[in-house]
Amino acid sequence: MRRFALVVVALITALPSVAAAQQDNPPMTFFVTSVGMGNGADLNGLIGADAHCQALAVAAGAGDKTWHAYLSSGPPISVNARGRIGRGPWHNHAGARMIADDLGSLHGDTLDEARLGNQINQAFALTENGDTVPSILGRGAGEALEHDILTGSQSDGRAFTDEEDHTCSNWTSSVAGEGSAQLGHSDKTGGGNGSWNSSHPSRGCSQDNLTATGGAGRFYCFVIN
């Protein structure tokens, strides 16, 4: 009986440390949107995309920080996705995994950083609700492929500098078969080069155009502060 009592006391004593360990995870500072905005690549510009990130974060209980969409735009005025998302580090849902420590490790700016890579992949690129994105590597029966992620960016996180449309008129167009949006793959798998942020262009700017290559108008959201 005395031994049982000692065990109970030991367990009760351990409870605070277990709770503390659970609370030690950093907060979520990165997610893939669980849903797009429903109008193809027309996001009401960068402001509309940022508002979507913020609204999803609020609904998930993470609205106490400022969230921005990982999207480039331009011309006439170029905006780089990497310049919109703060300095890091960034963690996924429940802080379970560090996605990247800083902008360099996120984009592979040096050879060593490129070799190590970031942790945006099928297992860790989670939505604000902690769900995986339906991908080539895993999705439910009858579930559509949605690993195409809107970015409008080159692999270094910067806007394109040519005359082509890589952002569906700076995220204001949903016209079918006209213009395109540069896409990444949240699972780093599939056509193009498998890049998380710059794999291939869309076939146009409508919702159907995005769906045709395995997307749903999702994008990445990062905490900037």
Protein backbone atom coordinates (compact mmCIF):
# COMPACT_ATOMS: atom_id res chain seq x y z
CA MET A 1 0.00 0.00 0.00
CA ARG A 2 2.84 2.36 0.88
CA ARG A 3 4.52 1.58 -2.45
CA PHE A 4 1.29 2.37 -4.32
CA ALA A 5 0.99 5.67 -2.47
CA LEU A 6 4.55 6.59 -3.42
CA VAL A 7 3.81 5.84 -7.09
CA VAL A 8 0.69 8.03 -6.99
CA VAL A 9 2.68 10.87 -5.40
CA ALA A 10 5.38 10.52 -8.06
CA LEU A 11 2.81 10.68 -10.87
CA ILE A 12 1.12 13.74 -9.41
CA THR A 13 4.50 15.43 -9.01
CA ALA A 14 5.32 14.69 -12.66
CA LEU A 15 2.10 16.19 -14.03
CA PRO A 16 3.25 19.84 -13.95
CA SER A 17 6.43 18.98 -15.83
CA VAL A 18 4.47 17.07 -18.49
CA ALA A 19 2.12 20.04 -18.93
CA ALA A 20 5.09 22.39 -19.13
CA ALA A 21 6.69 20.21 -21.79
CA GLN A 22 3.48 20.37 -23.84
CA GLN A 23 3.45 24.15 -23.52
CA ASP A 24 7.08 24.46 -24.57
CA ASN A 25 6.26 24.07 -28.27
CA PRO A 26 6.48 27.43 -30.03
CA PRO A 27 3.27 28.84 -31.52
CA MET A 28 2.22 28.21 -35.11
CA THR A 29 3.82 30.76 -37.41
CA PHE A 30 3.33 29.03 -40.78
CA PHE A 31 0.50 27.22 -42.51
CA VAL A 32 -0.96 26.31 -45.87
CA THR A 33 -4.45 27.72 -46.29
CA SER A 34 -7.07 25.04 -45.72
CA VAL A 35 -9.13 26.59 -48.52
CA GLY A 36 -8.52 29.02 -51.34
CA MET A 37 -10.64 32.11 -51.82
CA GLY A 38 -12.87 30.41 -54.39
CA ASN A 39 -12.34 32.78 -57.30
CA GLY A 40 -9.33 31.29 -59.02
CA ALA A 41 -6.22 33.44 -58.70
CA ASP A 42 -8.24 36.58 -58.04
CA LEU A 43 -7.38 37.16 -54.39
CA ASN A 44 -8.28 40.84 -54.34
CA GLY A 45 -4.55 41.53 -54.60
CA LEU A 46 -1.98 41.06 -51.87
CA ILE A 47 -4.21 42.85 -49.36
CA GLY A 48 -7.01 40.37 -49.95
CA ALA A 49 -4.63 37.41 -49.65
CA ASP A 50 -3.21 38.75 -46.39
CA ALA A 51 -6.74 39.20 -45.03
CA HIS A 52 -7.53 35.58 -45.90
CA CYS A 53 -4.44 34.40 -44.00
CA GLN A 54 -5.41 36.52 -41.02
CA ALA A 55 -9.03 35.31 -41.00
CA LEU A 56 -7.99 31.65 -41.10
CA ALA A 57 -5.45 32.26 -38.33
CA VAL A 58 -8.10 33.95 -36.17
CA ALA A 59 -10.48 31.01 -36.67
CA ALA A 60 -7.67 28.64 -35.63
CA GLY A 61 -6.90 30.64 -32.49
CA ALA A 62 -3.71 32.16 -33.84
CA GLY A 63 -4.90 35.66 -34.67
CA ASP A 64 -2.74 37.46 -32.12
CA LYS A 65 0.03 37.81 -34.71
CA THR A 66 0.16 39.52 -38.11
CA TRP A 67 -0.01 37.07 -41.03
CA HIS A 68 1.00 37.64 -44.65
CA ALA A 69 0.56 35.54 -47.75
CA TYR A 70 3.71 34.25 -49.42
CA LEU A 71 3.09 35.90 -52.81
CA SER A 72 5.16 38.00 -55.18
CA SER A 73 3.67 40.60 -57.50
CA GLY A 74 4.67 43.04 -60.23
CA PRO A 75 5.19 44.83 -62.54
CA PRO A 76 4.75 47.79 -62.51
CA ILE A 77 5.95 47.65 -58.91
CA SER A 78 7.62 44.38 -57.97
CA VAL A 79 7.03 42.90 -54.53
CA ASN A 80 9.02 39.86 -53.45
CA ALA A 81 7.31 37.12 -51.46
CA ARG A 82 10.41 36.66 -49.31
CA GLY A 83 10.28 40.31 -48.33
CA ARG A 84 6.72 40.06 -46.97
CA ILE A 85 7.04 37.32 -44.37
CA GLY A 86 9.39 38.55 -41.65
CA ARG A 87 12.67 36.92 -40.67
CA GLY A 88 11.65 33.63 -39.03
CA PRO A 89 11.92 31.16 -37.53
CA TRP A 90 8.63 29.59 -38.61
CA HIS A 91 6.88 26.59 -37.13
CA ASN A 92 3.93 24.59 -38.38
CA HIS A 93 0.67 23.75 -36.60
CA ALA A 94 1.08 23.43 -32.83
CA GLY A 95 4.75 24.30 -33.24
CA ALA A 96 5.46 20.63 -33.88
CA ARG A 97 8.14 21.22 -36.51
CA MET A 98 10.36 24.12 -37.49
CA ILE A 99 9.77 24.79 -41.19
CA ALA A 100 12.80 27.06 -41.52
CA ASP A 101 14.98 29.10 -39.22
CA ASP A 102 15.29 32.15 -41.44
CA LEU A 103 14.94 33.40 -45.01
CA GLY A 104 18.21 31.79 -46.05
CA SER A 105 17.27 28.33 -44.87
CA LEU A 106 13.76 28.72 -46.28
CA HIS A 107 15.06 29.49 -49.77
CA GLY A 108 18.41 27.70 -49.79
CA ASP A 109 20.40 30.88 -50.31
CA THR A 110 23.78 29.19 -49.76
CA LEU A 111 24.97 25.78 -50.93
CA ASP A 112 24.79 24.40 -47.41
CA GLU A 113 21.28 25.78 -46.87
CA ALA A 114 20.16 24.40 -50.22
CA ARG A 115 21.61 21.00 -49.36
CA LEU A 116 19.80 20.87 -46.03
CA GLY A 117 16.54 22.26 -47.43
CA ASN A 118 13.49 23.45 -45.54
CA GLN A 119 10.76 21.30 -43.99
CA ILE A 120 7.95 22.22 -46.36
CA ASN A 121 6.82 18.78 -47.48
CA GLN A 122 3.87 16.41 -47.31
CA ALA A 123 4.35 15.61 -43.64
CA PHE A 124 4.94 19.10 -42.25
CA ALA A 125 3.30 21.61 -44.61
CA LEU A 126 0.08 21.56 -42.62
CA THR A 127 -3.00 23.76 -42.73
CA GLU A 128 -3.98 26.11 -39.91
CA ASN A 129 -6.08 23.24 -38.57
CA GLY A 130 -3.22 20.75 -38.59
CA ASP A 131 -4.36 18.84 -41.68
CA THR A 132 -2.14 17.65 -44.51
CA VAL A 133 -2.71 18.91 -48.05
CA PRO A 134 -4.12 16.33 -50.51
CA SER A 135 -1.08 15.43 -52.57
CA ILE A 136 0.56 12.89 -54.81
CA LEU A 137 2.03 11.29 -51.71
CA GLY A 138 -1.24 11.01 -49.82
CA ARG A 139 -4.93 11.86 -50.11
CA GLY A 140 -8.24 10.26 -49.28
CA ALA A 141 -10.33 8.15 -51.62
CA GLY A 142 -12.00 10.44 -54.13
CA GLU A 143 -10.10 13.45 -52.80
CA ALA A 144 -8.74 15.80 -55.48
CA LEU A 145 -5.05 16.64 -55.79
CA GLU A 146 -4.42 20.12 -54.31
CA HIS A 147 -0.66 20.37 -53.88
CA ASP A 148 -0.32 23.32 -56.30
CA ILE A 149 0.31 26.43 -54.19
CA LEU A 150 0.05 29.98 -55.54
CA THR A 151 3.32 31.93 -55.15
CA GLY A 152 4.05 34.00 -58.28
CA SER A 153 7.71 33.62 -57.34
CA GLN A 154 11.05 32.40 -58.54
CA SER A 155 12.79 29.78 -56.41
CA ASP A 156 14.66 32.47 -54.47
CA GLY A 157 11.35 34.00 -53.38
CA ARG A 158 11.61 37.01 -55.66
CA ALA A 159 9.26 38.29 -58.34
CA PHE A 160 9.93 37.47 -61.99
CA THR A 161 11.58 40.21 -64.02
CA ASP A 162 10.42 39.29 -67.54
CA GLU A 163 7.33 40.56 -69.35
CA GLU A 164 5.20 37.44 -68.78
CA ASP A 165 2.28 37.31 -66.35
CA HIS A 166 3.26 35.08 -63.43
CA THR A 167 0.72 36.46 -60.93
CA CYS A 168 -2.62 36.55 -62.78
CA SER A 169 -2.50 40.33 -63.05
CA ASN A 170 -1.12 40.76 -59.54
CA TRP A 171 -3.72 38.43 -58.04
CA THR A 172 -6.73 40.26 -59.47
CA SER A 173 -7.69 38.01 -62.40
CA SER A 174 -9.78 34.85 -62.64
CA VAL A 175 -10.02 34.81 -66.44
CA ALA A 176 -9.88 31.33 -67.95
CA GLY A 177 -6.90 30.59 -70.19
CA GLU A 178 -5.48 34.10 -69.92
CA GLY A 179 -2.36 34.85 -67.90
CA SER A 180 -0.93 32.41 -65.37
CA ALA A 181 0.25 32.06 -61.81
CA GLN A 182 3.54 30.50 -60.83
CA LEU A 183 2.92 27.55 -58.52
CA GLY A 184 4.89 25.58 -55.97
CA HIS A 185 4.27 22.06 -54.69
CA SER A 186 3.55 21.67 -50.98
CA ASP A 187 4.77 18.05 -51.17
CA LYS A 188 7.83 18.85 -53.32
CA THR A 189 6.68 16.14 -55.72
CA GLY A 190 5.34 16.02 -59.26
CA GLY A 191 5.67 17.88 -62.53
CA GLY A 192 8.06 20.72 -63.14
CA ASN A 193 10.97 20.62 -60.72
CA GLY A 194 9.09 19.70 -57.55
CA SER A 195 9.99 23.03 -55.94
CA TRP A 196 7.93 24.12 -52.94
CA ASN A 197 7.61 27.65 -54.36
CA SER A 198 8.37 27.63 -58.10
CA SER A 199 7.49 24.40 -59.86
CA HIS A 200 5.38 25.38 -62.90
CA PRO A 201 2.83 27.91 -64.17
CA SER A 202 -0.92 27.45 -64.07
CA ARG A 203 -2.91 27.03 -67.30
CA GLY A 204 -4.79 30.25 -66.65
CA CYS A 205 -6.34 32.17 -63.80
CA SER A 206 -9.79 30.66 -63.32
CA GLN A 207 -10.70 28.19 -60.58
CA ASP A 208 -10.98 25.46 -63.22
CA ASN A 209 -7.54 26.34 -64.56
CA LEU A 210 -6.04 25.93 -61.10
CA THR A 211 -7.88 22.66 -60.51
CA ALA A 212 -6.70 21.27 -63.84
CA THR A 213 -3.08 20.92 -62.72
CA GLY A 214 -3.74 19.85 -59.14
CA GLY A 215 -4.59 22.98 -57.20
CA ALA A 216 -7.41 24.75 -55.40
CA GLY A 217 -6.11 28.28 -55.01
CA ARG A 218 -4.27 27.58 -51.76
CA PHE A 219 -1.26 29.61 -50.65
CA TYR A 220 1.28 29.77 -47.85
CA CYS A 221 0.84 32.06 -44.84
CA PHE A 222 3.64 33.24 -42.54
CA VAL A 223 3.74 35.30 -39.36
CA ILE A 224 5.72 38.49 -39.94
CA ASN A 225 6.29 39.49 -36.31
